[in-house]
Amino acid sequence: MLSRWQLERIASTLSSGGVIAYPTESVFGLGCDPRNEKALLRLLQLKNRPAEKGLIILVSDLEQAKPFIQPLSVKEQQIINKPQSRATTWLVKRRSEVSPLLCGNSDRLAVRVTQHPIAKAICDYRDLPLVSTSCNKTGKPELVNLLAVRNHWQFQLDYIVSGQCGGQKPSRIIDLSSHRVLRD
């Protein structure tokens, strides 16, 4: 697990606009503060990801997503909070002021409540969402271990969080309104 010192370094890196790599349920993720436009632009540039595709915000608790999404009904909250057999990302109606760098060309924002202990600890420590996208350049293989992340990114990232990925398939993506599975 992460020490208080590590969590403090991660939080400091994120609050100063840094981009980090960290383990998730399936692969290493790239993350930054979802409220920091410069950090979002840098993350997209590092990854060579088109802004139109949007990004995921990772939360340890649905409350952390509330500043970014439209209010949810009790039933919708129960659906998102219900334990899933694997990581699930929900497309949820976003607030109008959410950066297009987060949501791309969509009126929805991708939100995932993480169960990975390290990712959860980062979100809990800051009590804020964390941007999440796979820690690879667009079109390159996903990275699932610390050595691969270090070799791939060299000195381009501001902090790399040690730890193991959960070994799951990438998260499935479900539209909350229609319950349509967009990726399984």
N, C-alpha and C. Protein backbone atom coordinates (compact mmCIF):
# COMPACT_ATOMS: atom_id res chain seq x y z
N MET A 1 0.84 -1.18 0.00
CA MET A 1 0.00 0.00 0.00
C MET A 1 0.88 1.24 0.00
N LEU A 2 0.30 2.37 -0.29
CA LEU A 2 1.05 3.61 -0.36
C LEU A 2 1.24 4.23 1.01
N SER A 3 2.43 4.77 1.24
CA SER A 3 2.70 5.47 2.50
C SER A 3 2.13 6.88 2.42
N ARG A 4 2.04 7.52 3.56
CA ARG A 4 1.56 8.91 3.59
C ARG A 4 2.51 9.80 2.78
N TRP A 5 3.80 9.54 2.86
CA TRP A 5 4.78 10.31 2.10
C TRP A 5 4.52 10.16 0.60
N GLN A 6 4.28 8.92 0.13
CA GLN A 6 4.00 8.72 -1.29
C GLN A 6 2.71 9.43 -1.71
N LEU A 7 1.68 9.32 -0.90
CA LEU A 7 0.42 9.99 -1.21
C LEU A 7 0.60 11.51 -1.26
N GLU A 8 1.41 12.03 -0.37
CA GLU A 8 1.68 13.47 -0.35
C GLU A 8 2.42 13.88 -1.64
N ARG A 9 3.40 13.10 -2.05
CA ARG A 9 4.14 13.38 -3.30
C ARG A 9 3.21 13.31 -4.51
N ILE A 10 2.34 12.31 -4.55
CA ILE A 10 1.40 12.17 -5.66
C ILE A 10 0.45 13.36 -5.70
N ALA A 11 -0.10 13.72 -4.55
CA ALA A 11 -1.03 14.85 -4.47
C ALA A 11 -0.35 16.15 -4.89
N SER A 12 0.87 16.34 -4.45
CA SER A 12 1.63 17.54 -4.81
C SER A 12 1.89 17.58 -6.31
N THR A 13 2.26 16.45 -6.87
CA THR A 13 2.50 16.36 -8.31
C THR A 13 1.24 16.69 -9.09
N LEU A 14 0.11 16.12 -8.68
CA LEU A 14 -1.15 16.37 -9.38
C LEU A 14 -1.60 17.83 -9.22
N SER A 15 -1.48 18.38 -8.02
CA SER A 15 -1.94 19.76 -7.81
C SER A 15 -1.07 20.77 -8.54
N SER A 16 0.16 20.41 -8.88
CA SER A 16 1.02 21.33 -9.63
C SER A 16 0.92 21.09 -11.14
N GLY A 17 -0.06 20.28 -11.57
CA GLY A 17 -0.28 20.07 -13.00
C GLY A 17 0.49 18.90 -13.59
N GLY A 18 1.00 18.04 -12.75
CA GLY A 18 1.79 16.91 -13.22
C GLY A 18 0.94 15.78 -13.79
N VAL A 19 1.62 14.90 -14.53
CA VAL A 19 1.01 13.70 -15.09
C VAL A 19 1.69 12.50 -14.44
N ILE A 20 0.88 11.56 -13.96
CA ILE A 20 1.40 10.39 -13.27
C ILE A 20 0.97 9.11 -14.00
N ALA A 21 1.68 8.03 -13.69
CA ALA A 21 1.27 6.68 -14.09
C ALA A 21 0.96 5.93 -12.81
N TYR A 22 -0.07 5.09 -12.85
CA TYR A 22 -0.47 4.36 -11.66
C TYR A 22 -1.19 3.07 -12.08
N PRO A 23 -1.14 2.02 -11.23
CA PRO A 23 -1.81 0.76 -11.57
C PRO A 23 -3.32 0.86 -11.37
N THR A 24 -4.05 0.15 -12.22
CA THR A 24 -5.51 0.07 -12.11
C THR A 24 -5.92 -1.39 -12.13
N GLU A 25 -7.21 -1.61 -12.29
CA GLU A 25 -7.74 -2.97 -12.31
C GLU A 25 -7.18 -3.81 -13.44
N SER A 26 -6.82 -3.19 -14.56
CA SER A 26 -6.38 -3.96 -15.72
C SER A 26 -4.98 -3.60 -16.19
N VAL A 27 -4.69 -2.33 -16.39
CA VAL A 27 -3.40 -1.87 -16.93
C VAL A 27 -2.95 -0.66 -16.13
N PHE A 28 -1.73 -0.21 -16.40
CA PHE A 28 -1.31 1.06 -15.81
C PHE A 28 -2.08 2.18 -16.49
N GLY A 29 -2.44 3.18 -15.71
CA GLY A 29 -3.15 4.34 -16.24
C GLY A 29 -2.28 5.58 -16.21
N LEU A 30 -2.60 6.51 -17.09
CA LEU A 30 -2.02 7.85 -17.03
C LEU A 30 -3.08 8.74 -16.40
N GLY A 31 -2.66 9.61 -15.51
CA GLY A 31 -3.63 10.45 -14.85
C GLY A 31 -3.12 11.84 -14.56
N CYS A 32 -4.08 12.72 -14.32
CA CYS A 32 -3.79 14.10 -13.92
C CYS A 32 -5.04 14.64 -13.23
N ASP A 33 -4.96 15.87 -12.79
CA ASP A 33 -6.09 16.54 -12.16
C ASP A 33 -7.10 16.90 -13.25
N PRO A 34 -8.33 16.41 -13.18
CA PRO A 34 -9.31 16.67 -14.24
C PRO A 34 -9.76 18.12 -14.33
N ARG A 35 -9.39 18.96 -13.36
CA ARG A 35 -9.76 20.38 -13.39
C ARG A 35 -8.66 21.25 -13.99
N ASN A 36 -7.52 20.65 -14.31
CA ASN A 36 -6.37 21.42 -14.78
C ASN A 36 -6.22 21.26 -16.30
N GLU A 37 -6.61 22.31 -17.04
CA GLU A 37 -6.58 22.27 -18.51
C GLU A 37 -5.17 22.00 -19.05
N LYS A 38 -4.15 22.63 -18.46
CA LYS A 38 -2.78 22.42 -18.94
C LYS A 38 -2.36 20.97 -18.76
N ALA A 39 -2.72 20.40 -17.61
CA ALA A 39 -2.38 19.00 -17.37
C ALA A 39 -3.11 18.07 -18.35
N LEU A 40 -4.38 18.38 -18.61
CA LEU A 40 -5.15 17.58 -19.58
C LEU A 40 -4.51 17.65 -20.97
N LEU A 41 -4.14 18.84 -21.39
CA LEU A 41 -3.50 19.00 -22.70
C LEU A 41 -2.18 18.25 -22.76
N ARG A 42 -1.40 18.33 -21.69
CA ARG A 42 -0.11 17.63 -21.66
C ARG A 42 -0.31 16.11 -21.71
N LEU A 43 -1.27 15.60 -20.95
CA LEU A 43 -1.55 14.17 -20.96
C LEU A 43 -1.94 13.71 -22.38
N LEU A 44 -2.83 14.45 -23.02
CA LEU A 44 -3.26 14.09 -24.38
C LEU A 44 -2.08 14.15 -25.35
N GLN A 45 -1.23 15.14 -25.20
CA GLN A 45 -0.06 15.27 -26.07
C GLN A 45 0.92 14.12 -25.85
N LEU A 46 1.19 13.79 -24.58
CA LEU A 46 2.09 12.67 -24.28
C LEU A 46 1.58 11.37 -24.89
N LYS A 47 0.31 11.17 -24.80
CA LYS A 47 -0.31 9.92 -25.26
C LYS A 47 -0.57 9.91 -26.77
N ASN A 48 -0.51 11.09 -27.39
CA ASN A 48 -0.90 11.24 -28.81
C ASN A 48 -2.36 10.87 -29.00
N ARG A 49 -3.19 11.28 -28.07
CA ARG A 49 -4.62 10.96 -28.09
C ARG A 49 -5.42 12.16 -28.57
N PRO A 50 -6.29 11.96 -29.55
CA PRO A 50 -7.13 13.07 -29.98
C PRO A 50 -8.09 13.50 -28.87
N ALA A 51 -8.22 14.80 -28.67
CA ALA A 51 -9.09 15.34 -27.62
C ALA A 51 -10.54 14.95 -27.84
N GLU A 52 -10.94 14.70 -29.08
CA GLU A 52 -12.33 14.36 -29.39
C GLU A 52 -12.78 13.05 -28.74
N LYS A 53 -11.83 12.20 -28.37
CA LYS A 53 -12.18 10.90 -27.79
C LYS A 53 -12.60 10.99 -26.34
N GLY A 54 -12.16 12.01 -25.64
CA GLY A 54 -12.50 12.13 -24.23
C GLY A 54 -11.67 11.21 -23.35
N LEU A 55 -11.85 11.33 -22.05
CA LEU A 55 -11.10 10.58 -21.05
C LEU A 55 -12.06 10.07 -19.98
N ILE A 56 -11.55 9.25 -19.11
CA ILE A 56 -12.32 8.72 -17.98
C ILE A 56 -11.92 9.50 -16.73
N ILE A 57 -12.89 9.74 -15.84
CA ILE A 57 -12.50 10.16 -14.50
C ILE A 57 -12.73 8.98 -13.57
N LEU A 58 -11.72 8.75 -12.78
CA LEU A 58 -11.71 7.64 -11.83
C LEU A 58 -12.02 8.22 -10.45
N VAL A 59 -12.92 7.59 -9.73
CA VAL A 59 -13.29 8.05 -8.39
C VAL A 59 -13.28 6.87 -7.43
N SER A 60 -13.11 7.17 -6.15
CA SER A 60 -13.21 6.11 -5.15
C SER A 60 -14.63 6.05 -4.60
N ASP A 61 -15.37 7.14 -4.84
CA ASP A 61 -16.74 7.25 -4.37
C ASP A 61 -17.48 8.15 -5.36
N LEU A 62 -18.70 7.82 -5.67
CA LEU A 62 -19.48 8.57 -6.65
C LEU A 62 -19.61 10.05 -6.28
N GLU A 63 -19.55 10.38 -4.99
CA GLU A 63 -19.62 11.78 -4.54
C GLU A 63 -18.55 12.63 -5.22
N GLN A 64 -17.38 12.04 -5.46
CA GLN A 64 -16.27 12.78 -6.06
C GLN A 64 -16.57 13.22 -7.49
N ALA A 65 -17.48 12.54 -8.16
CA ALA A 65 -17.82 12.86 -9.55
C ALA A 65 -18.89 13.95 -9.65
N LYS A 66 -19.57 14.24 -8.58
CA LYS A 66 -20.72 15.16 -8.62
C LYS A 66 -20.43 16.54 -9.22
N PRO A 67 -19.26 17.14 -9.01
CA PRO A 67 -19.01 18.44 -9.65
C PRO A 67 -18.90 18.36 -11.18
N PHE A 68 -18.79 17.16 -11.72
CA PHE A 68 -18.57 16.98 -13.15
C PHE A 68 -19.79 16.45 -13.90
N ILE A 69 -20.76 15.89 -13.16
CA ILE A 69 -21.89 15.22 -13.81
C ILE A 69 -23.22 15.84 -13.39
N GLN A 70 -24.23 15.62 -14.24
CA GLN A 70 -25.58 16.05 -13.90
C GLN A 70 -26.07 15.23 -12.70
N PRO A 71 -26.97 15.78 -11.90
CA PRO A 71 -27.49 15.01 -10.77
C PRO A 71 -28.09 13.68 -11.23
N LEU A 72 -27.85 12.65 -10.45
CA LEU A 72 -28.34 11.30 -10.75
C LEU A 72 -29.52 10.95 -9.85
N SER A 73 -30.42 10.15 -10.39
CA SER A 73 -31.51 9.65 -9.56
C SER A 73 -30.94 8.64 -8.56
N VAL A 74 -31.72 8.32 -7.55
CA VAL A 74 -31.31 7.32 -6.57
C VAL A 74 -31.05 5.99 -7.28
N LYS A 75 -31.91 5.64 -8.22
CA LYS A 75 -31.74 4.38 -8.95
C LYS A 75 -30.44 4.38 -9.76
N GLU A 76 -30.13 5.49 -10.42
CA GLU A 76 -28.88 5.56 -11.19
C GLU A 76 -27.66 5.45 -10.27
N GLN A 77 -27.73 6.08 -9.12
CA GLN A 77 -26.63 5.98 -8.15
C GLN A 77 -26.45 4.54 -7.68
N GLN A 78 -27.56 3.85 -7.44
CA GLN A 78 -27.50 2.45 -7.02
C GLN A 78 -26.88 1.58 -8.11
N ILE A 79 -27.23 1.85 -9.35
CA ILE A 79 -26.68 1.08 -10.47
C ILE A 79 -25.17 1.25 -10.53
N ILE A 80 -24.70 2.49 -10.46
CA ILE A 80 -23.25 2.74 -10.54
C ILE A 80 -22.53 2.17 -9.33
N ASN A 81 -23.12 2.28 -8.16
CA ASN A 81 -22.46 1.82 -6.94
C ASN A 81 -22.55 0.31 -6.72
N LYS A 82 -23.40 -0.37 -7.47
CA LYS A 82 -23.55 -1.82 -7.30
C LYS A 82 -22.22 -2.51 -7.67
N PRO A 83 -21.73 -3.37 -6.80
CA PRO A 83 -20.48 -4.09 -7.11
C PRO A 83 -20.62 -4.87 -8.42
N GLN A 84 -19.60 -4.75 -9.26
CA GLN A 84 -19.58 -5.42 -10.56
C GLN A 84 -18.53 -6.53 -10.53
N SER A 85 -18.67 -7.48 -11.41
CA SER A 85 -17.70 -8.57 -11.48
C SER A 85 -16.37 -8.11 -12.04
N ARG A 86 -16.37 -6.98 -12.75
CA ARG A 86 -15.11 -6.40 -13.24
C ARG A 86 -15.29 -4.89 -13.36
N ALA A 87 -14.20 -4.20 -13.58
CA ALA A 87 -14.23 -2.73 -13.68
C ALA A 87 -15.23 -2.30 -14.76
N THR A 88 -16.07 -1.34 -14.40
CA THR A 88 -17.10 -0.85 -15.32
C THR A 88 -17.06 0.67 -15.34
N THR A 89 -17.02 1.21 -16.54
CA THR A 89 -17.04 2.65 -16.75
C THR A 89 -18.43 3.02 -17.25
N TRP A 90 -19.01 4.04 -16.65
CA TRP A 90 -20.37 4.47 -16.99
C TRP A 90 -20.31 5.80 -17.72
N LEU A 91 -21.04 5.92 -18.81
CA LEU A 91 -21.20 7.19 -19.50
C LEU A 91 -22.39 7.90 -18.88
N VAL A 92 -22.12 9.07 -18.30
CA VAL A 92 -23.10 9.81 -17.52
C VAL A 92 -23.21 11.23 -18.10
N LYS A 93 -24.42 11.79 -18.08
CA LYS A 93 -24.58 13.17 -18.58
C LYS A 93 -23.69 14.10 -17.77
N ARG A 94 -22.93 14.90 -18.49
CA ARG A 94 -21.97 15.80 -17.85
C ARG A 94 -22.58 17.17 -17.60
N ARG A 95 -21.96 17.91 -16.71
CA ARG A 95 -22.33 19.31 -16.51
C ARG A 95 -21.80 20.11 -17.70
N SER A 96 -22.48 21.17 -18.06
CA SER A 96 -22.11 21.95 -19.25
C SER A 96 -20.73 22.58 -19.13
N GLU A 97 -20.27 22.87 -17.93
CA GLU A 97 -18.98 23.53 -17.77
C GLU A 97 -17.78 22.58 -17.80
N VAL A 98 -18.02 21.28 -17.93
CA VAL A 98 -16.92 20.31 -17.98
C VAL A 98 -16.09 20.52 -19.24
N SER A 99 -14.81 20.48 -19.08
CA SER A 99 -13.88 20.70 -20.19
C SER A 99 -14.12 19.70 -21.32
N PRO A 100 -14.13 20.18 -22.56
CA PRO A 100 -14.23 19.27 -23.70
C PRO A 100 -13.03 18.33 -23.78
N LEU A 101 -11.94 18.68 -23.11
CA LEU A 101 -10.79 17.78 -23.08
C LEU A 101 -11.11 16.51 -22.29
N LEU A 102 -12.04 16.60 -21.33
CA LEU A 102 -12.46 15.42 -20.57
C LEU A 102 -13.51 14.60 -21.31
N CYS A 103 -14.46 15.27 -21.94
CA CYS A 103 -15.60 14.55 -22.51
C CYS A 103 -15.55 14.42 -24.03
N GLY A 104 -14.56 15.01 -24.68
CA GLY A 104 -14.48 14.92 -26.13
C GLY A 104 -15.68 15.58 -26.78
N ASN A 105 -16.21 14.94 -27.79
CA ASN A 105 -17.34 15.48 -28.54
C ASN A 105 -18.67 14.99 -27.98
N SER A 106 -18.71 14.61 -26.73
CA SER A 106 -19.90 13.97 -26.17
C SER A 106 -20.56 14.86 -25.11
N ASP A 107 -21.85 14.63 -24.92
CA ASP A 107 -22.54 15.29 -23.81
C ASP A 107 -22.46 14.43 -22.55
N ARG A 108 -21.66 13.38 -22.63
CA ARG A 108 -21.50 12.45 -21.51
C ARG A 108 -20.05 12.42 -21.05
N LEU A 109 -19.86 12.03 -19.82
CA LEU A 109 -18.54 11.89 -19.25
C LEU A 109 -18.39 10.45 -18.77
N ALA A 110 -17.24 9.87 -19.02
CA ALA A 110 -16.96 8.51 -18.59
C ALA A 110 -16.48 8.54 -17.14
N VAL A 111 -17.19 7.78 -16.28
CA VAL A 111 -16.90 7.75 -14.84
C VAL A 111 -16.77 6.30 -14.39
N ARG A 112 -15.70 6.03 -13.62
CA ARG A 112 -15.54 4.68 -13.07
C ARG A 112 -15.23 4.77 -11.58
N VAL A 113 -15.98 4.03 -10.79
CA VAL A 113 -15.70 3.90 -9.36
C VAL A 113 -14.69 2.75 -9.24
N THR A 114 -13.47 3.09 -8.85
CA THR A 114 -12.40 2.09 -8.82
C THR A 114 -12.44 1.26 -7.55
N GLN A 115 -12.07 0.02 -7.70
CA GLN A 115 -11.89 -0.87 -6.55
C GLN A 115 -10.41 -1.22 -6.36
N HIS A 116 -9.56 -0.73 -7.28
CA HIS A 116 -8.13 -1.03 -7.15
C HIS A 116 -7.59 -0.27 -5.94
N PRO A 117 -6.91 -0.97 -5.02
CA PRO A 117 -6.52 -0.33 -3.76
C PRO A 117 -5.60 0.89 -3.93
N ILE A 118 -4.71 0.88 -4.90
CA ILE A 118 -3.80 2.02 -5.07
C ILE A 118 -4.54 3.19 -5.69
N ALA A 119 -5.26 2.95 -6.78
CA ALA A 119 -6.02 4.03 -7.42
C ALA A 119 -7.04 4.61 -6.44
N LYS A 120 -7.67 3.74 -5.68
CA LYS A 120 -8.66 4.18 -4.68
C LYS A 120 -7.99 5.05 -3.61
N ALA A 121 -6.81 4.66 -3.16
CA ALA A 121 -6.09 5.43 -2.14
C ALA A 121 -5.72 6.82 -2.66
N ILE A 122 -5.34 6.92 -3.93
CA ILE A 122 -5.01 8.23 -4.51
C ILE A 122 -6.25 9.12 -4.53
N CYS A 123 -7.37 8.58 -5.00
CA CYS A 123 -8.62 9.36 -5.03
C CYS A 123 -9.10 9.70 -3.63
N ASP A 124 -8.98 8.78 -2.70
CA ASP A 124 -9.39 9.04 -1.31
C ASP A 124 -8.54 10.13 -0.67
N TYR A 125 -7.25 10.10 -0.93
CA TYR A 125 -6.34 11.05 -0.30
C TYR A 125 -6.67 12.48 -0.73
N ARG A 126 -6.96 12.67 -1.98
CA ARG A 126 -7.27 14.00 -2.51
C ARG A 126 -8.76 14.29 -2.42
N ASP A 127 -9.56 13.27 -2.20
CA ASP A 127 -11.02 13.36 -2.23
C ASP A 127 -11.50 14.01 -3.53
N LEU A 128 -10.82 13.64 -4.61
CA LEU A 128 -11.15 14.17 -5.93
C LEU A 128 -10.94 13.09 -6.99
N PRO A 129 -11.62 13.25 -8.13
CA PRO A 129 -11.40 12.31 -9.22
C PRO A 129 -9.98 12.44 -9.78
N LEU A 130 -9.61 11.44 -10.52
CA LEU A 130 -8.32 11.38 -11.18
C LEU A 130 -8.60 11.00 -12.63
N VAL A 131 -7.98 11.69 -13.57
CA VAL A 131 -8.13 11.29 -14.96
C VAL A 131 -7.53 9.90 -15.13
N SER A 132 -8.16 9.10 -15.96
CA SER A 132 -7.65 7.76 -16.22
C SER A 132 -7.76 7.43 -17.70
N THR A 133 -6.63 7.08 -18.27
CA THR A 133 -6.56 6.55 -19.63
C THR A 133 -5.38 5.59 -19.64
N SER A 134 -5.39 4.63 -20.51
CA SER A 134 -4.32 3.63 -20.49
C SER A 134 -2.96 4.30 -20.70
N CYS A 135 -1.96 3.76 -20.04
CA CYS A 135 -0.63 4.35 -19.96
C CYS A 135 0.24 3.91 -21.15
N ASN A 136 -0.24 4.17 -22.33
CA ASN A 136 0.51 3.85 -23.53
C ASN A 136 0.26 4.95 -24.55
N LYS A 137 1.15 5.07 -25.50
CA LYS A 137 0.88 5.98 -26.59
C LYS A 137 -0.21 5.36 -27.45
N THR A 138 -1.05 6.19 -28.03
CA THR A 138 -2.15 5.69 -28.86
C THR A 138 -1.61 4.74 -29.92
N GLY A 139 -2.24 3.58 -30.02
CA GLY A 139 -1.86 2.58 -31.01
C GLY A 139 -0.78 1.61 -30.55
N LYS A 140 -0.19 1.86 -29.40
CA LYS A 140 0.85 0.97 -28.86
C LYS A 140 0.22 0.03 -27.82
N PRO A 141 0.90 -1.10 -27.52
CA PRO A 141 0.35 -2.04 -26.53
C PRO A 141 0.20 -1.39 -25.15
N GLU A 142 -0.82 -1.85 -24.43
CA GLU A 142 -1.05 -1.37 -23.07
C GLU A 142 0.06 -1.89 -22.15
N LEU A 143 0.35 -1.14 -21.12
CA LEU A 143 1.44 -1.48 -20.20
C LEU A 143 0.85 -2.02 -18.90
N VAL A 144 1.33 -3.19 -18.50
CA VAL A 144 0.75 -3.85 -17.33
C VAL A 144 1.72 -4.05 -16.18
N ASN A 145 2.97 -3.58 -16.33
CA ASN A 145 3.88 -3.70 -15.19
C ASN A 145 4.79 -2.48 -15.10
N LEU A 146 5.34 -2.29 -13.93
CA LEU A 146 6.13 -1.11 -13.61
C LEU A 146 7.34 -0.96 -14.52
N LEU A 147 8.05 -2.04 -14.79
CA LEU A 147 9.24 -1.98 -15.64
C LEU A 147 8.87 -1.50 -17.04
N ALA A 148 7.78 -2.01 -17.59
CA ALA A 148 7.34 -1.58 -18.93
C ALA A 148 7.00 -0.10 -18.94
N VAL A 149 6.36 0.39 -17.88
CA VAL A 149 6.01 1.81 -17.79
C VAL A 149 7.29 2.65 -17.76
N ARG A 150 8.23 2.26 -16.93
CA ARG A 150 9.49 3.03 -16.82
C ARG A 150 10.25 3.02 -18.14
N ASN A 151 10.32 1.87 -18.79
CA ASN A 151 11.04 1.78 -20.06
C ASN A 151 10.35 2.59 -21.15
N HIS A 152 9.04 2.55 -21.18
CA HIS A 152 8.28 3.23 -22.23
C HIS A 152 8.32 4.75 -22.09
N TRP A 153 8.19 5.24 -20.85
CA TRP A 153 8.04 6.69 -20.64
C TRP A 153 9.33 7.39 -20.24
N GLN A 154 10.36 6.61 -19.84
CA GLN A 154 11.63 7.20 -19.43
C GLN A 154 11.40 8.38 -18.48
N PHE A 155 11.74 9.58 -18.88
CA PHE A 155 11.65 10.75 -17.98
C PHE A 155 10.53 11.71 -18.39
N GLN A 156 9.51 11.21 -19.09
CA GLN A 156 8.45 12.07 -19.59
C GLN A 156 7.33 12.32 -18.57
N LEU A 157 7.21 11.45 -17.58
CA LEU A 157 6.15 11.59 -16.58
C LEU A 157 6.70 12.22 -15.31
N ASP A 158 5.80 12.81 -14.53
CA ASP A 158 6.22 13.49 -13.31
C ASP A 158 6.30 12.57 -12.10
N TYR A 159 5.58 11.46 -12.14
CA TYR A 159 5.63 10.50 -11.03
C TYR A 159 5.08 9.17 -11.54
N ILE A 160 5.73 8.08 -11.16
CA ILE A 160 5.24 6.74 -11.49
C ILE A 160 4.98 6.03 -10.17
N VAL A 161 3.74 5.63 -9.96
CA VAL A 161 3.33 4.96 -8.72
C VAL A 161 3.62 3.47 -8.85
N SER A 162 4.38 2.93 -7.91
CA SER A 162 4.67 1.49 -7.91
C SER A 162 3.44 0.71 -7.52
N GLY A 163 3.36 -0.51 -8.03
CA GLY A 163 2.26 -1.39 -7.66
C GLY A 163 1.90 -2.32 -8.79
N GLN A 164 0.97 -3.21 -8.49
CA GLN A 164 0.54 -4.23 -9.44
C GLN A 164 -0.84 -3.91 -9.97
N CYS A 165 -1.03 -4.20 -11.24
CA CYS A 165 -2.37 -4.09 -11.83
C CYS A 165 -3.21 -5.28 -11.37
N GLY A 166 -4.51 -5.13 -11.48
CA GLY A 166 -5.43 -6.15 -10.97
C GLY A 166 -5.61 -7.37 -11.84
N GLY A 167 -5.09 -7.37 -13.06
CA GLY A 167 -5.19 -8.55 -13.91
C GLY A 167 -6.51 -8.72 -14.64
N GLN A 168 -7.40 -7.72 -14.56
CA GLN A 168 -8.69 -7.81 -15.25
C GLN A 168 -8.56 -7.35 -16.70
N LYS A 169 -9.59 -7.69 -17.48
CA LYS A 169 -9.71 -7.13 -18.82
C LYS A 169 -9.97 -5.63 -18.67
N PRO A 170 -9.70 -4.84 -19.73
CA PRO A 170 -10.05 -3.41 -19.64
C PRO A 170 -11.52 -3.24 -19.26
N SER A 171 -11.81 -2.12 -18.62
CA SER A 171 -13.17 -1.90 -18.13
C SER A 171 -14.18 -1.93 -19.26
N ARG A 172 -15.34 -2.46 -18.93
CA ARG A 172 -16.41 -2.37 -19.92
C ARG A 172 -17.02 -0.99 -19.79
N ILE A 173 -17.62 -0.54 -20.88
CA ILE A 173 -18.21 0.79 -20.91
C ILE A 173 -19.70 0.65 -21.18
N ILE A 174 -20.51 1.25 -20.29
CA ILE A 174 -21.96 1.15 -20.40
C ILE A 174 -22.55 2.56 -20.34
N ASP A 175 -23.48 2.85 -21.26
CA ASP A 175 -24.21 4.11 -21.23
C ASP A 175 -25.27 4.00 -20.14
N LEU A 176 -25.22 4.88 -19.15
CA LEU A 176 -26.14 4.79 -18.01
C LEU A 176 -27.59 5.01 -18.43
N SER A 177 -27.84 5.89 -19.40
CA SER A 177 -29.21 6.19 -19.81
C SER A 177 -29.86 5.02 -20.53
N SER A 178 -29.15 4.44 -21.48
CA SER A 178 -29.73 3.38 -22.31
C SER A 178 -29.37 1.98 -21.82
N HIS A 179 -28.39 1.87 -20.94
CA HIS A 179 -27.85 0.59 -20.45
C HIS A 179 -27.20 -0.21 -21.59
N ARG A 180 -26.89 0.48 -22.67
CA ARG A 180 -26.23 -0.16 -23.82
C ARG A 180 -24.75 -0.34 -23.49
N VAL A 181 -24.25 -1.55 -23.71
CA VAL A 181 -22.85 -1.85 -23.51
C VAL A 181 -22.09 -1.42 -24.76
N LEU A 182 -21.16 -0.48 -24.59
CA LEU A 182 -20.41 0.03 -25.73
C LEU A 182 -19.08 -0.70 -25.91
N ARG A 183 -18.55 -1.24 -24.81
CA ARG A 183 -17.35 -2.09 -24.88
C ARG A 183 -17.46 -3.10 -23.77
N ASP A 184 -17.28 -4.36 -24.12
CA ASP A 184 -17.36 -5.42 -23.11
C ASP A 184 -16.07 -6.16 -22.98
